[in-house]
Protein backbone atom coordinates (compact mmCIF):
# COMPACT_ATOMS: atom_id res chain seq x y z
CA MET A 1 114.61 91.54 91.72
CA ARG A 2 111.19 90.30 92.32
CA GLY A 3 108.51 92.27 92.61
CA VAL A 4 104.96 93.64 91.09
CA ALA A 5 105.21 96.29 88.37
CA TYR A 6 102.95 97.36 85.28
CA ASP A 7 104.16 99.18 82.15
CA ARG A 8 101.11 100.63 80.99
CA TYR A 9 98.39 102.27 82.97
CA GLY A 10 94.68 100.29 83.41
CA GLY A 11 92.81 98.03 85.38
CA PRO A 12 94.04 94.85 87.65
CA GLU A 13 95.46 93.34 84.62
CA VAL A 14 97.95 95.47 84.00
CA LEU A 15 99.61 94.29 87.13
CA SER A 16 102.27 91.29 86.93
CA LEU A 17 104.54 89.08 88.75
CA ARG A 18 107.99 89.54 87.52
CA ASP A 19 111.41 88.33 88.63
CA ASP A 20 113.53 90.46 86.19
CA LEU A 21 113.01 93.71 87.59
CA PRO A 22 116.56 95.78 88.43
CA ASP A 23 117.56 96.53 91.89
CA PRO A 24 117.04 100.15 92.65
CA PRO A 25 119.53 102.33 92.74
CA VAL A 26 120.82 103.74 96.24
CA GLY A 27 121.62 107.50 96.29
CA PRO A 28 123.56 109.40 98.87
CA ASP A 29 120.59 110.17 101.04
CA THR A 30 118.75 106.91 100.47
CA VAL A 31 117.96 104.04 102.43
CA LEU A 32 117.54 100.34 100.28
CA VAL A 33 114.65 98.46 102.44
CA ARG A 34 114.27 94.97 102.42
CA VAL A 35 110.57 94.49 101.98
CA HIS A 36 108.70 92.22 104.64
CA ALA A 37 104.87 94.20 103.67
CA ALA A 38 103.36 96.69 102.03
CA GLY A 39 100.17 98.61 102.40
CA VAL A 40 97.84 99.32 99.72
CA ASN A 41 96.02 102.26 99.27
CA PRO A 42 92.92 103.97 97.15
CA VAL A 43 96.22 106.02 95.77
CA ASP A 44 97.55 103.07 94.04
CA VAL A 45 94.63 102.52 92.00
CA LEU A 46 94.49 105.94 91.34
CA ILE A 47 98.16 105.84 89.64
CA ARG A 48 98.00 102.85 88.26
CA SER A 49 94.89 104.03 86.12
CA GLY A 50 96.63 107.02 84.90
CA GLY A 51 95.30 109.59 87.49
CA LEU A 52 98.36 111.25 88.80
CA THR A 53 100.39 111.64 85.58
CA GLY A 54 99.76 115.29 85.74
CA ALA A 55 100.96 115.54 89.17
CA TYR A 56 104.66 113.74 89.19
CA PRO A 57 106.73 112.63 86.85
CA HIS A 58 105.95 108.72 85.90
CA HIS A 59 108.80 106.12 84.76
CA LEU A 60 107.12 103.21 83.45
CA PRO A 61 107.52 100.09 84.42
CA ILE A 62 105.97 101.20 87.80
CA VAL A 63 106.10 99.06 91.07
CA PRO A 64 103.12 100.51 92.87
CA GLY A 65 103.14 101.22 96.55
CA TRP A 66 103.34 103.94 99.02
CA ASP A 67 103.53 101.69 102.20
CA VAL A 68 106.47 99.80 103.27
CA ALA A 69 107.74 97.45 106.53
CA GLY A 70 111.12 96.22 106.24
CA VAL A 71 114.58 95.81 107.11
CA VAL A 72 116.98 97.96 106.40
CA GLU A 73 119.39 96.93 103.43
CA ALA A 74 121.84 99.46 102.52
CA VAL A 75 122.35 103.72 103.60
CA GLY A 76 123.90 106.22 101.14
CA PRO A 77 126.98 107.85 102.82
CA ALA A 78 124.64 110.88 103.68
CA VAL A 79 122.40 109.00 105.83
CA THR A 80 122.70 109.05 109.51
CA ALA A 81 119.46 107.92 111.08
CA PHE A 82 119.31 104.67 110.01
CA ALA A 83 121.68 101.51 109.45
CA ALA A 84 121.82 98.27 108.11
CA GLY A 85 119.69 95.69 110.06
CA ASP A 86 117.07 98.28 111.51
CA GLU A 87 113.60 97.58 111.11
CA VAL A 88 112.07 100.69 109.96
CA PHE A 89 108.28 101.24 108.43
CA GLY A 90 107.50 104.14 106.28
CA TYR A 91 105.42 106.21 103.59
CA VAL A 92 108.03 106.25 100.89
CA ARG A 93 106.67 109.23 98.37
CA ARG A 94 109.24 110.15 96.53
CA ASP A 95 109.18 112.89 93.97
CA ASP A 96 108.46 110.89 91.22
CA VAL A 97 106.65 107.69 90.53
CA GLN A 98 108.56 104.55 89.64
CA TRP A 99 110.31 102.44 92.99
CA GLY A 100 106.89 101.31 95.11
CA THR A 101 106.96 98.93 97.78
CA THR A 102 105.61 95.60 96.45
CA ALA A 103 109.06 94.20 95.56
CA GLU A 104 111.72 92.81 97.45
CA LEU A 105 113.47 96.05 97.68
CA VAL A 106 112.46 99.56 97.90
CA PRO A 107 114.97 102.94 97.62
CA ALA A 108 113.59 105.43 100.54
CA PRO A 109 114.44 108.80 101.05
CA GLN A 110 115.44 108.65 104.78
CA ARG A 111 112.50 111.28 105.67
CA CYS A 112 110.25 108.77 104.42
CA LEU A 113 111.26 106.41 107.35
CA ALA A 114 111.08 106.11 110.61
CA HIS A 115 111.91 102.76 113.20
CA LYS A 116 109.12 100.18 113.46
CA PRO A 117 107.19 100.10 116.04
CA GLU A 118 108.44 97.14 118.54
CA SER A 119 104.27 96.47 119.21
CA LEU A 120 103.30 96.07 115.60
CA SER A 121 104.21 93.47 113.59
CA PHE A 122 105.56 93.87 109.78
CA ALA A 123 102.09 93.76 108.36
CA GLU A 124 100.77 95.98 110.65
CA ALA A 125 103.58 98.60 110.64
CA ALA A 126 103.32 98.54 106.86
CA GLY A 127 99.42 99.28 107.12
CA LEU A 128 100.00 102.17 109.50
CA PRO A 129 102.00 104.95 107.23
CA LEU A 130 99.66 106.69 104.73
CA ALA A 131 96.63 106.54 106.79
CA GLY A 132 98.37 107.34 109.88
CA LEU A 133 100.22 110.09 108.51
CA THR A 134 97.01 111.29 106.58
CA ALA A 135 94.83 111.09 109.98
CA TYR A 136 97.81 113.00 112.16
CA GLN A 137 98.65 115.89 109.82
CA SER A 138 94.71 116.40 109.71
CA LEU A 139 94.08 116.41 113.54
CA THR A 140 97.34 118.36 114.57
CA GLU A 141 98.74 120.73 111.41
CA ALA A 142 95.06 121.65 109.52
CA LEU A 143 92.37 121.07 112.39
CA ASP A 144 94.96 121.90 115.63
CA VAL A 145 92.81 119.36 117.58
CA HIS A 146 93.07 120.05 121.55
CA GLU A 147 91.52 118.07 124.89
CA GLY A 148 88.06 118.48 125.70
CA GLU A 149 87.07 119.27 121.49
CA ARG A 150 84.55 117.68 120.25
CA VAL A 151 85.55 116.08 116.77
CA LEU A 152 83.53 114.34 113.89
CA VAL A 153 85.16 112.05 111.80
CA HIS A 154 83.20 110.54 108.60
CA ARG A 155 83.97 107.31 107.10
CA ALA A 156 85.81 106.18 110.34
CA ALA A 157 86.00 102.80 110.02
CA GLY A 158 88.23 102.90 107.17
CA GLY A 159 91.74 102.96 107.03
CA VAL A 160 92.45 106.54 107.83
CA GLY A 161 89.38 106.89 109.74
CA SER A 162 89.98 104.45 112.45
CA CYS A 163 93.54 105.99 112.67
CA ALA A 164 91.90 109.50 113.35
CA VAL A 165 89.57 108.30 115.84
CA GLN A 166 92.40 106.76 117.79
CA ILE A 167 94.43 109.35 117.26
CA ALA A 168 91.98 111.92 118.20
CA VAL A 169 91.04 110.32 121.50
CA ALA A 170 94.75 110.13 122.29
CA LEU A 171 94.95 114.10 121.82
CA GLY A 172 92.06 113.93 124.27
CA ALA A 173 89.04 114.93 122.10
CA HIS A 174 85.26 113.54 122.15
CA VAL A 175 85.17 111.52 118.89
CA ILE A 176 81.88 110.77 116.96
CA GLY A 177 82.13 108.73 113.84
CA THR A 178 80.03 108.10 110.90
CA ALA A 179 79.96 104.14 109.87
CA SER A 180 77.54 101.64 108.94
CA PRO A 181 75.67 99.87 111.69
CA ARG A 182 77.94 96.95 111.40
CA ASN A 183 80.59 99.02 112.19
CA HIS A 184 79.55 100.78 115.32
CA GLY A 185 80.87 98.15 117.63
CA PHE A 186 84.12 98.36 115.71
CA LEU A 187 84.38 102.44 116.11
CA ARG A 188 83.32 101.73 119.83
CA ASP A 189 86.25 99.78 120.64
CA ALA A 190 88.42 101.92 118.76
CA GLY A 191 87.52 105.16 121.35
CA ALA A 192 84.63 106.93 119.71
CA ALA A 193 82.34 108.36 122.10
CA GLU A 194 79.58 108.40 119.51
CA VAL A 195 78.94 106.55 116.48
CA LEU A 196 76.50 107.88 114.06
CA ASP A 197 74.41 106.06 110.87
CA TYR A 198 75.44 107.71 107.78
CA SER A 199 72.51 106.57 105.59
CA ALA A 200 70.09 107.61 108.53
CA GLY A 201 70.03 111.38 106.88
CA PRO A 202 72.45 114.29 106.85
CA ILE A 203 74.42 113.98 110.15
CA SER A 204 74.26 118.15 110.56
CA VAL A 205 70.22 116.87 111.58
CA GLN A 206 71.74 113.40 114.13
CA LEU A 207 74.18 115.62 115.77
CA SER A 208 72.91 116.71 119.05
CA GLU A 209 75.14 120.01 118.82
CA PRO A 210 77.45 121.35 115.90
CA VAL A 211 81.54 119.79 116.78
CA ASP A 212 84.55 121.95 117.20
CA ALA A 213 86.28 120.28 113.91
CA VAL A 214 85.31 118.12 110.99
CA LEU A 215 87.37 115.49 109.38
CA ASP A 216 85.96 114.68 105.78
CA LEU A 217 86.86 111.39 104.03
CA VAL A 218 83.92 111.28 101.84
CA GLY A 219 83.35 114.13 99.63
CA GLY A 220 80.44 114.81 97.69
CA ASP A 221 77.09 115.53 99.44
CA THR A 222 78.81 114.80 103.19
CA LEU A 223 81.12 117.88 102.40
CA ALA A 224 78.39 119.92 101.55
CA ASP A 225 76.66 119.34 104.43
CA ALA A 226 79.90 120.22 106.61
CA PRO A 227 79.21 123.70 107.18
CA LYS A 228 76.28 122.62 109.30
CA GLN A 229 77.71 120.09 111.34
CA VAL A 230 80.49 122.70 112.81
CA ARG A 231 80.76 125.63 114.91
CA ASP A 232 83.32 127.37 112.71
CA ARG A 233 84.18 126.24 108.82
CA ALA A 234 87.43 127.25 109.11
CA ARG A 235 87.86 123.70 110.89
CA ILE A 236 86.49 121.24 108.24
CA THR A 237 89.49 119.42 106.58
CA SER A 238 88.78 116.97 103.53
CA VAL A 239 91.48 114.78 102.34
CA VAL A 240 89.29 113.91 99.10
CA ASP A 241 87.89 117.02 97.67
CA PRO A 242 89.93 120.47 97.43
CA VAL A 243 86.70 122.19 97.01
CA VAL A 244 86.93 122.47 100.36
CA ASN A 245 89.42 125.46 100.38
CA GLU A 246 86.54 127.54 98.78
CA MET A 247 83.98 126.49 101.53
CA GLY A 248 86.84 128.47 103.64
CA GLY A 249 88.02 124.93 105.27
CA ARG A 250 91.23 123.23 104.04
CA TYR A 251 92.22 120.43 101.87
CA VAL A 252 95.05 118.16 103.32
CA PHE A 253 97.70 115.94 100.68
CA VAL A 254 99.70 114.08 102.75
CA ARG A 255 103.63 114.23 103.00
CA PRO A 256 106.17 111.81 103.96
CA GLU A 257 107.68 113.34 107.68
CA HIS A 258 109.93 111.10 109.64
CA GLU A 259 109.19 113.01 112.93
CA HIS A 260 105.26 112.63 112.75
CA LEU A 261 106.30 108.71 112.04
CA GLU A 262 107.95 108.58 114.95
CA GLU A 263 105.34 109.89 117.00
CA LEU A 264 102.87 107.27 115.53
CA GLY A 265 105.16 105.01 116.35
CA ARG A 266 105.39 106.06 119.76
CA MET A 267 101.68 106.23 119.92
CA ALA A 268 101.40 102.70 118.60
CA ASP A 269 103.69 101.02 121.40
CA ALA A 270 101.98 103.21 124.01
CA GLY A 271 98.69 101.33 123.36
CA GLN A 272 97.09 104.27 121.94
CA LEU A 273 96.81 103.23 117.99
CA ARG A 274 96.38 99.56 116.59
CA VAL A 275 96.32 98.89 113.25
CA PRO A 276 93.21 96.43 112.27
CA ILE A 277 94.29 94.37 109.42
CA ALA A 278 90.90 93.61 107.07
CA ARG A 279 93.17 91.28 104.76
CA ALA A 280 96.64 90.32 104.05
CA PHE A 281 97.34 89.00 100.85
CA PRO A 282 100.86 87.26 99.19
CA LEU A 283 102.80 89.34 96.56
CA GLU A 284 101.34 87.62 93.64
CA GLN A 285 97.85 88.55 94.67
CA THR A 286 98.50 92.52 94.71
CA ALA A 287 96.00 92.52 91.58
CA GLU A 288 93.33 91.25 93.76
CA ALA A 289 94.29 93.45 97.18
CA GLN A 290 94.32 96.33 95.02
CA GLU A 291 90.52 95.49 93.60
CA LEU A 292 89.55 94.95 97.40
CA VAL A 293 90.53 98.38 97.86
CA ALA A 294 88.92 99.85 94.83
CA GLY A 295 85.94 98.33 96.04
CA GLY A 296 85.34 100.46 99.16
CA HIS A 297 83.72 99.32 102.49
CA VAL A 298 87.21 98.20 103.77
CA ARG A 299 87.51 97.97 107.59
CA GLY A 300 90.91 98.87 108.64
CA LYS A 301 94.06 98.10 106.31
CA VAL A 302 94.58 95.76 103.26
CA VAL A 303 98.42 94.62 102.70
CA VAL A 304 100.67 92.71 100.67
CA THR A 305 103.19 90.37 102.32
CA LEU A 306 106.62 89.13 101.01
CA ARG A 307 107.91 87.56 104.37
CA SER A 308 106.99 87.04 107.91
């Protein structure tokens, strides 16, 4: 099997394009997906550096990537939701780290997949799962956002942030996003009612009044300022810094969820959720794709494409 893999932890130089990877196993509840595109996320860089070895069993060589869009190649005998030939997308976070999505085939537990939205290309669908699920679970579960509430999204122009803005708008919220001035128009197009410049001083000072909920995608000083931004500190959620729990808020670590993926697909097909692609790289440039993501300040999503 052809794919990108690494057999030691380190920088982008450990990634190599290989033609001799073994075909992945297909367990009883596994869906084997022929990959058309794979999303690239900051967590891929963290795993490659060895930063999650204490959280999951790791088995070298590792194929990176958790986001996928493709076509079902085969299914295990216990799979009921999918059949060969189905177009799917998903967040393939297994219970161990080995079989990622930057390869021709990826084995995915059926809980990690949903049917691909018809309105999205494979590249767009591959950019949605991790970012979309993170935003959706933060807004609907941790923050319980309702119509008419004021919601503040920090780092709103990135992958998770741009999804969060659109999902919060679909929930009926008045959305305020923070971003650099060059991204203000982008966020207004995404539906943000207000956009604040994070470099212009503390956001708590810039707000006309406290908000009902805060989604933090930055951490550090931004998170430390959050209690001054919100009416109730229990409605502060961070996906980057668990210290939010000590502040009375809630830390979110995204999980695979079939029903949530299906809802994201429904929103995309209803025109409520777009996936802006910052850049699409061919498979052999996976290292460059990861470097771009590691540098931060990416507007939208970075993906790797294997076929159209």
